[in-house]
Amino acid sequence: MHSDPEILGGTPVFVGTRIPLRNLIDYLEGGHSLDEFLDDFPSVSREQAIAALEAAHVDDLEYGTIYFTDASALIKLFIKEKGSTELRRFVAQCGVIYTTALCFGEALGVMKRKRFFEKSLSQDQYISASNNLRAHISSNIIKFVEGGDLTNRDIFFEAADLSDMHEIDLSDALQIVLVSRSKIVGATLISADKGLVEASRKSGISAWNCETEPAPPMGLRLK
């Protein structure tokens, strides 16, 4: 980013352009994707946009909570689906969200299925969505949760107990375990999986169904 009194009165702009950072923030808060912004402002590179977002992010705990996403929510951030617009707007306001390496792998698997089996994505859309997910993680816009490893015996059997209790798969159960273990008051799980949302709430974990429910106010713990 660059600020010069001779350019737009000192408004922060992308280096080599007269495009304000505010334009990017407004796009994301309006529910548009990073790709849409880059298409409309081709003089801004993807690397510039990601670096600016990383620099502009607020502290994780500014709103009194952190947000965890499963694979179903990750997909909606990078592929246009029901609930995508509101979820993108919400995440842009959060600054940072969390997921697990397992969910990252699952999300890539869903993109693969959409491209090669359902044929609902073109090759360009498939590569773009996968690359955007990778870039958000490499720049810490999306962070991996530490300890999110089913090879840990205690975590595995805690997830297995939840799987038995709520009839959900181990990956979903792992999300509940990690949110619970975060011990952050108001930590919230974001998912489009109705079964996972219901199991989370029955386990005393705040959850938002990003496909069927309106976004919560920042920092509000959902029941």
Protein backbone atom coordinates (compact mmCIF):
# COMPACT_ATOMS: atom_id res chain seq x y z
CA MET A 1 0.00 0.00 0.00
CA HIS A 2 1.03 3.60 -0.53
CA SER A 3 -0.13 6.97 0.80
CA ASP A 4 0.83 10.19 -0.98
CA PRO A 5 -0.76 13.63 -0.41
CA GLU A 6 -0.58 14.12 -4.19
CA ILE A 7 -2.72 11.02 -4.83
CA LEU A 8 -6.35 11.24 -3.73
CA GLY A 9 -5.38 13.50 -0.85
CA GLY A 10 -3.30 10.82 0.88
CA THR A 11 -5.90 8.06 0.77
CA PRO A 12 -4.12 4.66 0.97
CA VAL A 13 -3.93 3.20 -2.55
CA PHE A 14 -2.33 0.18 -4.19
CA VAL A 15 1.23 0.93 -5.32
CA GLY A 16 1.37 2.03 -8.96
CA THR A 17 -2.37 2.77 -9.10
CA ARG A 18 -4.94 5.29 -7.93
CA ILE A 19 -7.19 2.55 -6.59
CA PRO A 20 -7.96 2.94 -2.85
CA LEU A 21 -7.68 0.01 -0.45
CA ARG A 22 -11.21 0.94 0.62
CA ASN A 23 -12.49 -0.29 -2.76
CA LEU A 24 -11.26 -3.81 -1.99
CA ILE A 25 -12.74 -3.78 1.52
CA ASP A 26 -16.07 -2.52 0.17
CA TYR A 27 -16.14 -5.29 -2.45
CA LEU A 28 -15.56 -8.03 0.13
CA GLU A 29 -17.96 -6.57 2.68
CA GLY A 30 -20.52 -6.36 -0.15
CA GLY A 31 -20.28 -10.13 -0.60
CA HIS A 32 -18.16 -10.08 -3.76
CA SER A 33 -15.17 -12.37 -4.23
CA LEU A 34 -11.53 -11.40 -4.56
CA ASP A 35 -11.64 -12.56 -8.19
CA GLU A 36 -14.49 -10.15 -8.93
CA PHE A 37 -12.48 -7.27 -7.50
CA LEU A 38 -9.40 -8.22 -9.54
CA ASP A 39 -11.49 -8.52 -12.71
CA ASP A 40 -12.88 -5.02 -12.20
CA PHE A 41 -9.51 -3.51 -11.20
CA PRO A 42 -6.93 -5.31 -13.39
CA SER A 43 -4.14 -2.89 -12.42
CA VAL A 44 -4.12 -4.45 -8.93
CA SER A 45 -2.31 -7.78 -8.73
CA ARG A 46 -3.53 -10.73 -6.70
CA GLU A 47 -0.37 -10.54 -4.58
CA GLN A 48 -1.03 -6.85 -3.81
CA ALA A 49 -4.63 -7.54 -2.79
CA ILE A 50 -3.75 -10.45 -0.51
CA ALA A 51 -0.88 -8.53 1.11
CA ALA A 52 -3.20 -5.56 1.73
CA LEU A 53 -5.85 -7.76 3.32
CA GLU A 54 -3.29 -9.39 5.57
CA ALA A 55 -1.94 -5.99 6.67
CA ALA A 56 -5.43 -4.64 7.31
CA HIS A 57 -6.68 -7.53 9.44
CA VAL A 58 -7.82 -6.81 12.96
CA ASP A 59 -6.66 -8.83 15.93
CA ASP A 60 -8.44 -12.20 16.19
CA LEU A 61 -10.00 -11.35 19.55
CA GLU A 62 -11.11 -7.80 18.80
CA TYR A 63 -14.73 -8.89 18.64
CA GLY A 64 -14.48 -11.19 21.64
CA THR A 65 -14.63 -14.42 19.69
CA ILE A 66 -13.04 -16.42 16.89
CA TYR A 67 -14.70 -18.33 14.10
CA PHE A 68 -14.04 -21.88 12.93
CA THR A 69 -15.12 -23.09 9.48
CA ASP A 70 -15.72 -26.57 8.17
CA ALA A 71 -15.28 -27.67 4.54
CA SER A 72 -18.87 -26.78 3.60
CA ALA A 73 -18.26 -23.16 4.65
CA LEU A 74 -14.84 -22.98 3.00
CA ILE A 75 -16.38 -24.01 -0.31
CA LYS A 76 -18.90 -21.16 -0.15
CA LEU A 77 -16.10 -18.64 0.20
CA PHE A 78 -14.56 -19.61 -3.14
CA ILE A 79 -17.43 -21.06 -5.18
CA LYS A 80 -20.71 -19.18 -5.57
CA GLU A 81 -23.42 -21.11 -3.72
CA LYS A 82 -26.43 -20.37 -1.55
CA GLY A 83 -25.22 -18.29 1.38
CA SER A 84 -21.91 -17.31 -0.26
CA THR A 85 -22.59 -13.58 -0.41
CA GLU A 86 -23.45 -13.20 3.26
CA LEU A 87 -20.62 -15.49 4.36
CA ARG A 88 -18.02 -13.58 2.31
CA ARG A 89 -19.24 -10.30 3.76
CA PHE A 90 -19.05 -11.72 7.28
CA VAL A 91 -15.55 -13.14 6.83
CA ALA A 92 -14.31 -9.85 5.38
CA GLN A 93 -15.43 -8.16 8.59
CA CYS A 94 -13.90 -10.88 10.80
CA GLY A 95 -10.44 -10.48 9.35
CA VAL A 96 -9.24 -13.99 10.28
CA ILE A 97 -11.03 -17.34 10.47
CA TYR A 98 -9.82 -20.80 11.44
CA THR A 99 -10.07 -24.26 9.94
CA THR A 100 -8.26 -27.60 10.10
CA ALA A 101 -5.90 -29.22 7.65
CA LEU A 102 -8.50 -31.98 7.33
CA CYS A 103 -11.16 -29.48 6.22
CA PHE A 104 -8.69 -27.96 3.75
CA GLY A 105 -8.25 -31.39 2.19
CA GLU A 106 -12.00 -32.00 2.18
CA ALA A 107 -12.64 -28.66 0.49
CA LEU A 108 -10.16 -29.51 -2.27
CA GLY A 109 -11.93 -32.85 -2.64
CA VAL A 110 -15.30 -31.13 -3.06
CA MET A 111 -13.82 -28.85 -5.73
CA LYS A 112 -12.43 -31.91 -7.50
CA ARG A 113 -15.86 -33.58 -7.43
CA LYS A 114 -17.57 -30.45 -8.80
CA ARG A 115 -15.03 -30.20 -11.62
CA PHE A 116 -14.52 -33.79 -12.72
CA PHE A 117 -17.70 -35.64 -11.69
CA GLU A 118 -20.53 -33.10 -11.46
CA LYS A 119 -19.01 -30.96 -14.26
CA SER A 120 -20.40 -27.85 -12.51
CA LEU A 121 -17.05 -26.02 -12.66
CA SER A 122 -14.93 -25.20 -15.69
CA GLN A 123 -11.21 -25.95 -15.50
CA ASP A 124 -10.47 -22.24 -15.02
CA GLN A 125 -13.03 -21.99 -12.20
CA TYR A 126 -11.62 -25.12 -10.55
CA ILE A 127 -8.03 -23.86 -10.61
CA SER A 128 -9.04 -20.35 -9.54
CA ALA A 129 -11.10 -21.54 -6.57
CA SER A 130 -8.38 -23.96 -5.45
CA ASN A 131 -5.70 -21.29 -5.78
CA ASN A 132 -7.77 -18.73 -3.86
CA LEU A 133 -8.20 -21.20 -1.00
CA ARG A 134 -4.45 -21.90 -1.00
CA ALA A 135 -3.60 -18.19 -1.09
CA HIS A 136 -5.92 -17.34 1.80
CA ILE A 137 -4.23 -20.00 3.93
CA SER A 138 -0.66 -19.12 2.93
CA SER A 139 -1.32 -15.47 3.80
CA ASN A 140 -2.97 -16.33 7.14
CA ILE A 141 -6.38 -14.96 6.20
CA ILE A 142 -7.48 -18.51 7.00
CA LYS A 143 -5.40 -20.14 9.73
CA PHE A 144 -5.03 -23.77 10.66
CA VAL A 145 -6.03 -24.68 14.21
CA GLU A 146 -3.13 -26.05 16.20
CA GLY A 147 -3.68 -29.56 17.49
CA GLY A 148 -6.29 -30.35 14.84
CA ASP A 149 -4.90 -33.82 14.30
CA LEU A 150 -6.94 -37.03 14.49
CA THR A 151 -3.71 -38.98 14.99
CA ASN A 152 -3.70 -37.61 18.56
CA ARG A 153 -5.22 -40.43 20.63
CA ASP A 154 -7.17 -38.22 23.05
CA ILE A 155 -8.60 -36.07 20.27
CA PHE A 156 -9.50 -39.12 18.20
CA PHE A 157 -11.49 -40.84 20.94
CA GLU A 158 -13.17 -37.61 22.02
CA ALA A 159 -14.27 -37.15 18.39
CA ALA A 160 -15.28 -40.83 18.20
CA ASP A 161 -17.55 -40.42 21.24
CA LEU A 162 -19.25 -37.43 19.61
CA SER A 163 -19.58 -39.37 16.35
CA ASP A 164 -21.38 -42.17 18.20
CA MET A 165 -23.56 -39.75 20.18
CA HIS A 166 -24.72 -37.55 17.31
CA GLU A 167 -24.27 -39.91 14.33
CA ILE A 168 -21.90 -37.55 12.55
CA ASP A 169 -18.61 -38.39 10.83
CA LEU A 170 -15.23 -38.05 12.52
CA SER A 171 -14.28 -34.95 10.55
CA ASP A 172 -17.42 -33.15 11.75
CA ALA A 173 -16.90 -34.39 15.30
CA LEU A 174 -13.34 -33.06 15.20
CA GLN A 175 -14.67 -29.53 14.58
CA ILE A 176 -16.71 -29.69 17.78
CA VAL A 177 -13.74 -31.02 19.74
CA LEU A 178 -11.44 -28.23 18.56
CA VAL A 179 -13.95 -25.44 19.22
CA SER A 180 -14.55 -26.87 22.67
CA ARG A 181 -10.83 -27.17 23.38
CA SER A 182 -10.18 -23.58 22.27
CA LYS A 183 -11.72 -22.46 25.59
CA ILE A 184 -12.54 -19.07 24.06
CA VAL A 185 -15.87 -17.76 25.25
CA GLY A 186 -18.12 -17.28 22.25
CA ALA A 187 -15.98 -19.31 19.83
CA THR A 188 -18.33 -20.12 16.97
CA LEU A 189 -18.41 -22.85 14.33
CA ILE A 190 -19.55 -21.84 10.84
CA SER A 191 -21.02 -24.61 8.71
CA ALA A 192 -23.62 -25.31 6.04
CA ASP A 193 -24.06 -28.84 7.41
CA LYS A 194 -27.36 -28.99 9.32
CA GLY A 195 -26.34 -32.13 11.21
CA LEU A 196 -23.06 -30.61 12.37
CA VAL A 197 -24.74 -27.37 13.45
CA GLU A 198 -27.33 -29.29 15.49
CA ALA A 199 -24.67 -31.54 17.07
CA SER A 200 -22.56 -28.50 17.95
CA ARG A 201 -25.44 -26.79 19.71
CA LYS A 202 -26.35 -29.96 21.60
CA SER A 203 -22.71 -30.05 22.75
CA GLY A 204 -22.93 -26.47 24.03
CA ILE A 205 -20.96 -25.02 21.10
CA SER A 206 -22.04 -21.85 19.34
CA ALA A 207 -22.78 -22.49 15.65
CA TRP A 208 -24.03 -20.61 12.60
CA ASN A 209 -25.63 -22.34 9.63
CA CYS A 210 -24.31 -20.04 6.90
CA GLU A 211 -26.69 -21.47 4.29
CA THR A 212 -30.03 -21.05 6.06
CA GLU A 213 -29.52 -18.48 8.85
CA PRO A 214 -28.68 -14.77 8.80
CA ALA A 215 -25.17 -13.82 9.86
CA PRO A 216 -24.80 -13.09 13.57
CA PRO A 217 -23.68 -9.68 14.80
CA MET A 218 -19.94 -9.65 15.38
CA GLY A 219 -19.00 -11.23 18.69
CA LEU A 220 -22.51 -12.53 19.42
CA ARG A 221 -22.61 -16.09 20.71
CA LEU A 222 -25.34 -18.13 19.05
CA LYS A 223 -27.23 -20.85 20.87
